[in-house]
Amino acid sequence: MLLNPRIGERDVNEKQLSAWRERLIALRDGWRHELRERADAIAQQVRSLESSGIPTHPADHDSEGVEKEVEIARSERAVYDQVQAALERINAGRFGTCEECGKEISQERLDAVPYASRCASCATSRGP
């Protein structure tokens, strides 16, 4: 546990950091659950296609929604990875510092997107 955590140039009290940590843990756990459910749904769709006895071509999977589910799962996994990285930044004492320019990420931005790794200015050009 960090005794005197800092975000950029400002001191952050343990209560603020703990609130962000708890929120990130809840987000991570929610995304983990969502990813498991999506993986199960994809597996079920594939099993249904395979057990139907009708020969399928990979392009047929798109019509059954499998490809769409896979794309959604990839997007969800990307957010999950960002949340996990934010938790790692908290543990490393780097939470709240822009990975692009090294400046402080505003508290307002972190409150809105707690897994943000870039300040608002850098995120405009590169993403959260």
N, C-alpha and C. Protein backbone atom coordinates (compact mmCIF):
# COMPACT_ATOMS: atom_id res chain seq x y z
N MET A 1 0.85 -1.17 0.00
CA MET A 1 0.00 0.00 0.00
C MET A 1 0.90 1.24 0.00
N LEU A 2 0.58 2.20 -0.81
CA LEU A 2 1.36 3.43 -0.89
C LEU A 2 1.05 4.31 0.31
N LEU A 3 2.10 4.80 0.98
CA LEU A 3 1.89 5.64 2.14
C LEU A 3 1.64 7.09 1.76
N ASN A 4 2.34 7.58 0.76
CA ASN A 4 2.18 8.97 0.32
C ASN A 4 2.05 8.99 -1.19
N PRO A 5 0.95 8.46 -1.71
CA PRO A 5 0.81 8.41 -3.15
C PRO A 5 0.69 9.79 -3.76
N ARG A 6 1.15 9.90 -4.99
CA ARG A 6 1.06 11.16 -5.71
C ARG A 6 0.46 10.89 -7.08
N ILE A 7 -0.29 11.85 -7.54
CA ILE A 7 -0.77 11.83 -8.91
C ILE A 7 -0.22 13.08 -9.53
N GLY A 8 0.67 12.90 -10.48
CA GLY A 8 1.31 14.06 -11.08
C GLY A 8 2.00 14.85 -9.97
N GLU A 9 1.70 16.12 -9.86
CA GLU A 9 2.31 16.98 -8.86
C GLU A 9 1.45 17.16 -7.62
N ARG A 10 0.29 16.52 -7.56
CA ARG A 10 -0.59 16.72 -6.41
C ARG A 10 -0.56 15.50 -5.49
N ASP A 11 -0.69 15.78 -4.23
CA ASP A 11 -0.81 14.69 -3.27
C ASP A 11 -2.21 14.13 -3.35
N VAL A 12 -2.30 12.83 -3.25
CA VAL A 12 -3.60 12.16 -3.28
C VAL A 12 -3.74 11.44 -1.95
N ASN A 13 -4.86 11.66 -1.30
CA ASN A 13 -5.02 10.96 -0.03
C ASN A 13 -5.42 9.51 -0.31
N GLU A 14 -5.18 8.70 0.67
CA GLU A 14 -5.45 7.26 0.54
C GLU A 14 -6.92 6.99 0.25
N LYS A 15 -7.80 7.84 0.77
CA LYS A 15 -9.23 7.67 0.54
C LYS A 15 -9.56 7.82 -0.95
N GLN A 16 -9.00 8.83 -1.62
CA GLN A 16 -9.24 9.03 -3.06
C GLN A 16 -8.69 7.85 -3.85
N LEU A 17 -7.46 7.47 -3.54
CA LEU A 17 -6.83 6.37 -4.26
C LEU A 17 -7.60 5.07 -4.03
N SER A 18 -8.03 4.86 -2.81
CA SER A 18 -8.80 3.66 -2.49
C SER A 18 -10.12 3.63 -3.26
N ALA A 19 -10.76 4.79 -3.40
CA ALA A 19 -12.02 4.86 -4.14
C ALA A 19 -11.80 4.50 -5.61
N TRP A 20 -10.72 5.01 -6.20
CA TRP A 20 -10.43 4.66 -7.60
C TRP A 20 -10.10 3.17 -7.71
N ARG A 21 -9.32 2.67 -6.76
CA ARG A 21 -8.95 1.24 -6.78
C ARG A 21 -10.21 0.37 -6.69
N GLU A 22 -11.10 0.69 -5.76
CA GLU A 22 -12.33 -0.09 -5.61
C GLU A 22 -13.19 -0.03 -6.87
N ARG A 23 -13.27 1.14 -7.45
CA ARG A 23 -14.06 1.28 -8.69
C ARG A 23 -13.45 0.45 -9.81
N LEU A 24 -12.13 0.50 -9.92
CA LEU A 24 -11.45 -0.28 -10.96
C LEU A 24 -11.62 -1.77 -10.73
N ILE A 25 -11.54 -2.21 -9.50
CA ILE A 25 -11.73 -3.63 -9.19
C ILE A 25 -13.14 -4.05 -9.58
N ALA A 26 -14.13 -3.22 -9.27
CA ALA A 26 -15.51 -3.54 -9.64
C ALA A 26 -15.67 -3.60 -11.16
N LEU A 27 -15.05 -2.65 -11.86
CA LEU A 27 -15.09 -2.66 -13.32
C LEU A 27 -14.42 -3.92 -13.87
N ARG A 28 -13.24 -4.23 -13.33
CA ARG A 28 -12.51 -5.42 -13.79
C ARG A 28 -13.34 -6.68 -13.59
N ASP A 29 -13.93 -6.82 -12.42
CA ASP A 29 -14.73 -8.01 -12.14
C ASP A 29 -15.95 -8.08 -13.04
N GLY A 30 -16.58 -6.93 -13.30
CA GLY A 30 -17.73 -6.90 -14.20
C GLY A 30 -17.35 -7.29 -15.62
N TRP A 31 -16.23 -6.75 -16.11
CA TRP A 31 -15.79 -7.09 -17.46
C TRP A 31 -15.38 -8.56 -17.54
N ARG A 32 -14.74 -9.07 -16.49
CA ARG A 32 -14.34 -10.48 -16.47
C ARG A 32 -15.58 -11.37 -16.61
N HIS A 33 -16.63 -11.04 -15.86
CA HIS A 33 -17.89 -11.79 -15.93
C HIS A 33 -18.49 -11.69 -17.34
N GLU A 34 -18.51 -10.49 -17.88
CA GLU A 34 -19.06 -10.27 -19.22
C GLU A 34 -18.28 -11.06 -20.27
N LEU A 35 -16.96 -11.07 -20.16
CA LEU A 35 -16.13 -11.81 -21.12
C LEU A 35 -16.40 -13.31 -21.03
N ARG A 36 -16.56 -13.83 -19.83
CA ARG A 36 -16.87 -15.26 -19.68
C ARG A 36 -18.21 -15.60 -20.32
N GLU A 37 -19.21 -14.75 -20.06
CA GLU A 37 -20.53 -14.99 -20.65
C GLU A 37 -20.47 -14.92 -22.17
N ARG A 38 -19.74 -13.96 -22.70
CA ARG A 38 -19.63 -13.82 -24.15
C ARG A 38 -18.91 -15.03 -24.74
N ALA A 39 -17.85 -15.50 -24.09
CA ALA A 39 -17.13 -16.67 -24.59
C ALA A 39 -18.04 -17.89 -24.58
N ASP A 40 -18.83 -18.04 -23.55
CA ASP A 40 -19.79 -19.15 -23.49
C ASP A 40 -20.81 -19.05 -24.62
N ALA A 41 -21.30 -17.84 -24.88
CA ALA A 41 -22.29 -17.65 -25.95
C ALA A 41 -21.69 -17.97 -27.31
N ILE A 42 -20.45 -17.55 -27.53
CA ILE A 42 -19.79 -17.84 -28.81
C ILE A 42 -19.60 -19.34 -28.96
N ALA A 43 -19.14 -19.99 -27.90
CA ALA A 43 -18.94 -21.44 -27.95
C ALA A 43 -20.26 -22.16 -28.24
N GLN A 44 -21.34 -21.70 -27.63
CA GLN A 44 -22.65 -22.30 -27.87
C GLN A 44 -23.07 -22.11 -29.33
N GLN A 45 -22.85 -20.93 -29.88
CA GLN A 45 -23.21 -20.68 -31.28
C GLN A 45 -22.42 -21.60 -32.21
N VAL A 46 -21.13 -21.74 -31.92
CA VAL A 46 -20.29 -22.61 -32.76
C VAL A 46 -20.75 -24.06 -32.64
N ARG A 47 -21.03 -24.51 -31.41
CA ARG A 47 -21.52 -25.89 -31.24
C ARG A 47 -22.83 -26.10 -32.00
N SER A 48 -23.71 -25.12 -31.96
CA SER A 48 -24.98 -25.23 -32.68
C SER A 48 -24.75 -25.36 -34.17
N LEU A 49 -23.83 -24.57 -34.68
CA LEU A 49 -23.53 -24.64 -36.11
C LEU A 49 -22.94 -26.01 -36.47
N GLU A 50 -22.03 -26.48 -35.62
CA GLU A 50 -21.38 -27.76 -35.90
C GLU A 50 -22.34 -28.94 -35.77
N SER A 51 -23.24 -28.88 -34.82
CA SER A 51 -24.14 -30.01 -34.59
C SER A 51 -25.36 -30.00 -35.51
N SER A 52 -25.52 -28.94 -36.27
CA SER A 52 -26.69 -28.87 -37.15
C SER A 52 -26.59 -29.86 -38.30
N GLY A 53 -25.38 -30.35 -38.55
CA GLY A 53 -25.21 -31.30 -39.65
C GLY A 53 -25.16 -30.63 -41.01
N ILE A 54 -25.37 -29.35 -41.03
CA ILE A 54 -25.30 -28.62 -42.30
C ILE A 54 -23.88 -28.13 -42.47
N PRO A 55 -23.26 -28.47 -43.60
CA PRO A 55 -21.89 -27.99 -43.82
C PRO A 55 -21.87 -26.46 -43.79
N THR A 56 -20.89 -25.93 -43.10
CA THR A 56 -20.79 -24.48 -43.03
C THR A 56 -19.47 -24.01 -43.60
N HIS A 57 -19.54 -22.90 -44.17
CA HIS A 57 -18.36 -22.20 -44.68
C HIS A 57 -18.06 -21.10 -43.67
N PRO A 58 -16.79 -20.73 -43.47
CA PRO A 58 -16.50 -19.67 -42.50
C PRO A 58 -17.34 -18.41 -42.70
N ALA A 59 -17.69 -18.10 -43.92
CA ALA A 59 -18.50 -16.90 -44.17
C ALA A 59 -19.90 -17.06 -43.59
N ASP A 60 -20.37 -18.30 -43.44
CA ASP A 60 -21.69 -18.53 -42.87
C ASP A 60 -21.76 -18.12 -41.40
N HIS A 61 -20.63 -18.17 -40.72
CA HIS A 61 -20.61 -17.80 -39.31
C HIS A 61 -21.04 -16.36 -39.12
N ASP A 62 -20.69 -15.50 -40.06
CA ASP A 62 -21.10 -14.10 -39.96
C ASP A 62 -22.60 -13.99 -39.92
N SER A 63 -23.27 -14.76 -40.77
CA SER A 63 -24.73 -14.67 -40.80
C SER A 63 -25.35 -15.17 -39.51
N GLU A 64 -24.66 -15.99 -38.77
CA GLU A 64 -25.16 -16.50 -37.49
C GLU A 64 -24.78 -15.59 -36.32
N GLY A 65 -24.04 -14.56 -36.58
CA GLY A 65 -23.68 -13.62 -35.53
C GLY A 65 -22.40 -13.93 -34.77
N VAL A 66 -21.72 -15.00 -35.14
CA VAL A 66 -20.50 -15.37 -34.41
C VAL A 66 -19.44 -14.30 -34.56
N GLU A 67 -19.22 -13.84 -35.78
CA GLU A 67 -18.18 -12.84 -36.00
C GLU A 67 -18.47 -11.56 -35.22
N LYS A 68 -19.72 -11.17 -35.19
CA LYS A 68 -20.10 -9.97 -34.43
C LYS A 68 -19.80 -10.17 -32.94
N GLU A 69 -20.12 -11.34 -32.42
CA GLU A 69 -19.85 -11.63 -31.01
C GLU A 69 -18.34 -11.61 -30.73
N VAL A 70 -17.56 -12.12 -31.66
CA VAL A 70 -16.10 -12.12 -31.48
C VAL A 70 -15.58 -10.69 -31.45
N GLU A 71 -16.07 -9.84 -32.33
CA GLU A 71 -15.64 -8.44 -32.35
C GLU A 71 -16.02 -7.73 -31.06
N ILE A 72 -17.21 -7.98 -30.57
CA ILE A 72 -17.63 -7.38 -29.30
C ILE A 72 -16.73 -7.87 -28.18
N ALA A 73 -16.41 -9.15 -28.19
CA ALA A 73 -15.53 -9.71 -27.16
C ALA A 73 -14.15 -9.07 -27.22
N ARG A 74 -13.65 -8.81 -28.41
CA ARG A 74 -12.34 -8.14 -28.54
C ARG A 74 -12.38 -6.73 -27.95
N SER A 75 -13.45 -6.01 -28.22
CA SER A 75 -13.60 -4.66 -27.67
C SER A 75 -13.69 -4.70 -26.15
N GLU A 76 -14.47 -5.64 -25.65
CA GLU A 76 -14.61 -5.77 -24.20
C GLU A 76 -13.28 -6.16 -23.57
N ARG A 77 -12.53 -7.01 -24.23
CA ARG A 77 -11.23 -7.42 -23.70
C ARG A 77 -10.26 -6.25 -23.66
N ALA A 78 -10.34 -5.36 -24.66
CA ALA A 78 -9.48 -4.19 -24.67
C ALA A 78 -9.76 -3.29 -23.46
N VAL A 79 -11.03 -3.12 -23.12
CA VAL A 79 -11.38 -2.31 -21.95
C VAL A 79 -10.92 -3.02 -20.68
N TYR A 80 -11.14 -4.32 -20.60
CA TYR A 80 -10.69 -5.10 -19.45
C TYR A 80 -9.18 -4.93 -19.25
N ASP A 81 -8.43 -5.01 -20.34
CA ASP A 81 -6.97 -4.85 -20.26
C ASP A 81 -6.59 -3.45 -19.77
N GLN A 82 -7.33 -2.43 -20.21
CA GLN A 82 -7.06 -1.06 -19.75
C GLN A 82 -7.34 -0.91 -18.26
N VAL A 83 -8.40 -1.53 -17.80
CA VAL A 83 -8.74 -1.49 -16.37
C VAL A 83 -7.65 -2.20 -15.57
N GLN A 84 -7.22 -3.35 -16.02
CA GLN A 84 -6.17 -4.09 -15.33
C GLN A 84 -4.88 -3.29 -15.30
N ALA A 85 -4.55 -2.63 -16.40
CA ALA A 85 -3.34 -1.80 -16.45
C ALA A 85 -3.44 -0.63 -15.47
N ALA A 86 -4.63 -0.07 -15.30
CA ALA A 86 -4.81 1.03 -14.35
C ALA A 86 -4.56 0.55 -12.92
N LEU A 87 -5.02 -0.65 -12.60
CA LEU A 87 -4.76 -1.21 -11.28
C LEU A 87 -3.26 -1.42 -11.07
N GLU A 88 -2.58 -1.85 -12.11
CA GLU A 88 -1.12 -2.02 -12.02
C GLU A 88 -0.43 -0.67 -11.83
N ARG A 89 -0.94 0.38 -12.49
CA ARG A 89 -0.36 1.72 -12.31
C ARG A 89 -0.56 2.21 -10.88
N ILE A 90 -1.70 1.89 -10.27
CA ILE A 90 -1.91 2.27 -8.87
C ILE A 90 -0.85 1.59 -8.01
N ASN A 91 -0.67 0.30 -8.21
CA ASN A 91 0.30 -0.46 -7.40
C ASN A 91 1.73 0.03 -7.62
N ALA A 92 2.02 0.53 -8.82
CA ALA A 92 3.37 0.99 -9.14
C ALA A 92 3.57 2.47 -8.80
N GLY A 93 2.51 3.14 -8.34
CA GLY A 93 2.63 4.56 -8.00
C GLY A 93 2.62 5.49 -9.20
N ARG A 94 2.13 5.00 -10.35
CA ARG A 94 2.11 5.82 -11.57
C ARG A 94 0.70 6.21 -12.00
N PHE A 95 -0.29 5.87 -11.20
CA PHE A 95 -1.68 6.16 -11.55
C PHE A 95 -1.89 7.67 -11.64
N GLY A 96 -2.54 8.13 -12.71
CA GLY A 96 -2.86 9.54 -12.85
C GLY A 96 -1.83 10.35 -13.60
N THR A 97 -0.78 9.69 -14.08
CA THR A 97 0.23 10.37 -14.87
C THR A 97 0.08 9.92 -16.32
N CYS A 98 0.01 10.88 -17.22
CA CYS A 98 -0.18 10.58 -18.64
C CYS A 98 1.00 9.79 -19.19
N GLU A 99 0.73 8.67 -19.81
CA GLU A 99 1.78 7.84 -20.39
C GLU A 99 2.39 8.48 -21.63
N GLU A 100 1.69 9.42 -22.21
CA GLU A 100 2.16 10.07 -23.43
C GLU A 100 3.08 11.25 -23.12
N CYS A 101 2.59 12.20 -22.33
CA CYS A 101 3.35 13.44 -22.11
C CYS A 101 3.92 13.55 -20.70
N GLY A 102 3.51 12.67 -19.80
CA GLY A 102 4.01 12.70 -18.43
C GLY A 102 3.33 13.70 -17.52
N LYS A 103 2.34 14.41 -18.04
CA LYS A 103 1.62 15.38 -17.21
C LYS A 103 0.52 14.69 -16.41
N GLU A 104 -0.01 15.44 -15.47
CA GLU A 104 -1.07 14.96 -14.60
C GLU A 104 -2.37 14.77 -15.39
N ILE A 105 -3.05 13.66 -15.13
CA ILE A 105 -4.40 13.44 -15.67
C ILE A 105 -5.35 14.07 -14.66
N SER A 106 -6.25 14.90 -15.13
CA SER A 106 -7.14 15.62 -14.21
C SER A 106 -8.01 14.65 -13.41
N GLN A 107 -8.35 15.08 -12.21
CA GLN A 107 -9.22 14.28 -11.36
C GLN A 107 -10.57 14.08 -12.03
N GLU A 108 -11.06 15.09 -12.73
CA GLU A 108 -12.34 14.98 -13.42
C GLU A 108 -12.29 13.86 -14.46
N ARG A 109 -11.18 13.78 -15.19
CA ARG A 109 -11.04 12.73 -16.21
C ARG A 109 -10.97 11.36 -15.55
N LEU A 110 -10.21 11.26 -14.47
CA LEU A 110 -10.09 9.98 -13.77
C LEU A 110 -11.42 9.57 -13.15
N ASP A 111 -12.19 10.54 -12.69
CA ASP A 111 -13.52 10.21 -12.16
C ASP A 111 -14.43 9.68 -13.26
N ALA A 112 -14.29 10.24 -14.47
CA ALA A 112 -15.13 9.82 -15.60
C ALA A 112 -14.63 8.52 -16.21
N VAL A 113 -13.30 8.40 -16.37
CA VAL A 113 -12.68 7.23 -17.00
C VAL A 113 -11.51 6.80 -16.10
N PRO A 114 -11.78 6.04 -15.05
CA PRO A 114 -10.72 5.74 -14.09
C PRO A 114 -9.57 4.92 -14.65
N TYR A 115 -9.77 4.31 -15.79
CA TYR A 115 -8.68 3.54 -16.40
C TYR A 115 -7.92 4.36 -17.45
N ALA A 116 -8.17 5.66 -17.51
CA ALA A 116 -7.48 6.51 -18.47
C ALA A 116 -5.97 6.47 -18.22
N SER A 117 -5.23 6.31 -19.29
CA SER A 117 -3.77 6.30 -19.18
C SER A 117 -3.16 7.54 -19.81
N ARG A 118 -4.02 8.38 -20.39
CA ARG A 118 -3.56 9.61 -21.03
C ARG A 118 -4.41 10.78 -20.56
N CYS A 119 -3.81 11.96 -20.54
CA CYS A 119 -4.56 13.16 -20.21
C CYS A 119 -5.54 13.45 -21.35
N ALA A 120 -6.47 14.35 -21.12
CA ALA A 120 -7.50 14.63 -22.13
C ALA A 120 -6.88 15.10 -23.44
N SER A 121 -5.84 15.90 -23.35
CA SER A 121 -5.20 16.42 -24.56
C SER A 121 -4.59 15.30 -25.39
N CYS A 122 -3.84 14.42 -24.76
CA CYS A 122 -3.22 13.31 -25.49
C CYS A 122 -4.25 12.28 -25.93
N ALA A 123 -5.30 12.09 -25.14
CA ALA A 123 -6.34 11.11 -25.49
C ALA A 123 -7.07 11.53 -26.76
N THR A 124 -7.18 12.83 -26.98
CA THR A 124 -7.84 13.32 -28.18
C THR A 124 -7.13 12.81 -29.43
N SER A 125 -5.82 12.70 -29.34
CA SER A 125 -5.06 12.25 -30.51
C SER A 125 -4.76 10.76 -30.51
N ARG A 126 -4.79 10.09 -29.34
CA ARG A 126 -4.37 8.69 -29.27
C ARG A 126 -5.38 7.72 -28.68
N GLY A 127 -6.34 8.16 -27.94
CA GLY A 127 -7.28 7.26 -27.27
C GLY A 127 -7.10 7.28 -25.77
N PRO A 128 -8.01 6.63 -25.00
CA PRO A 128 -7.99 6.72 -23.54
C PRO A 128 -6.72 6.17 -22.97
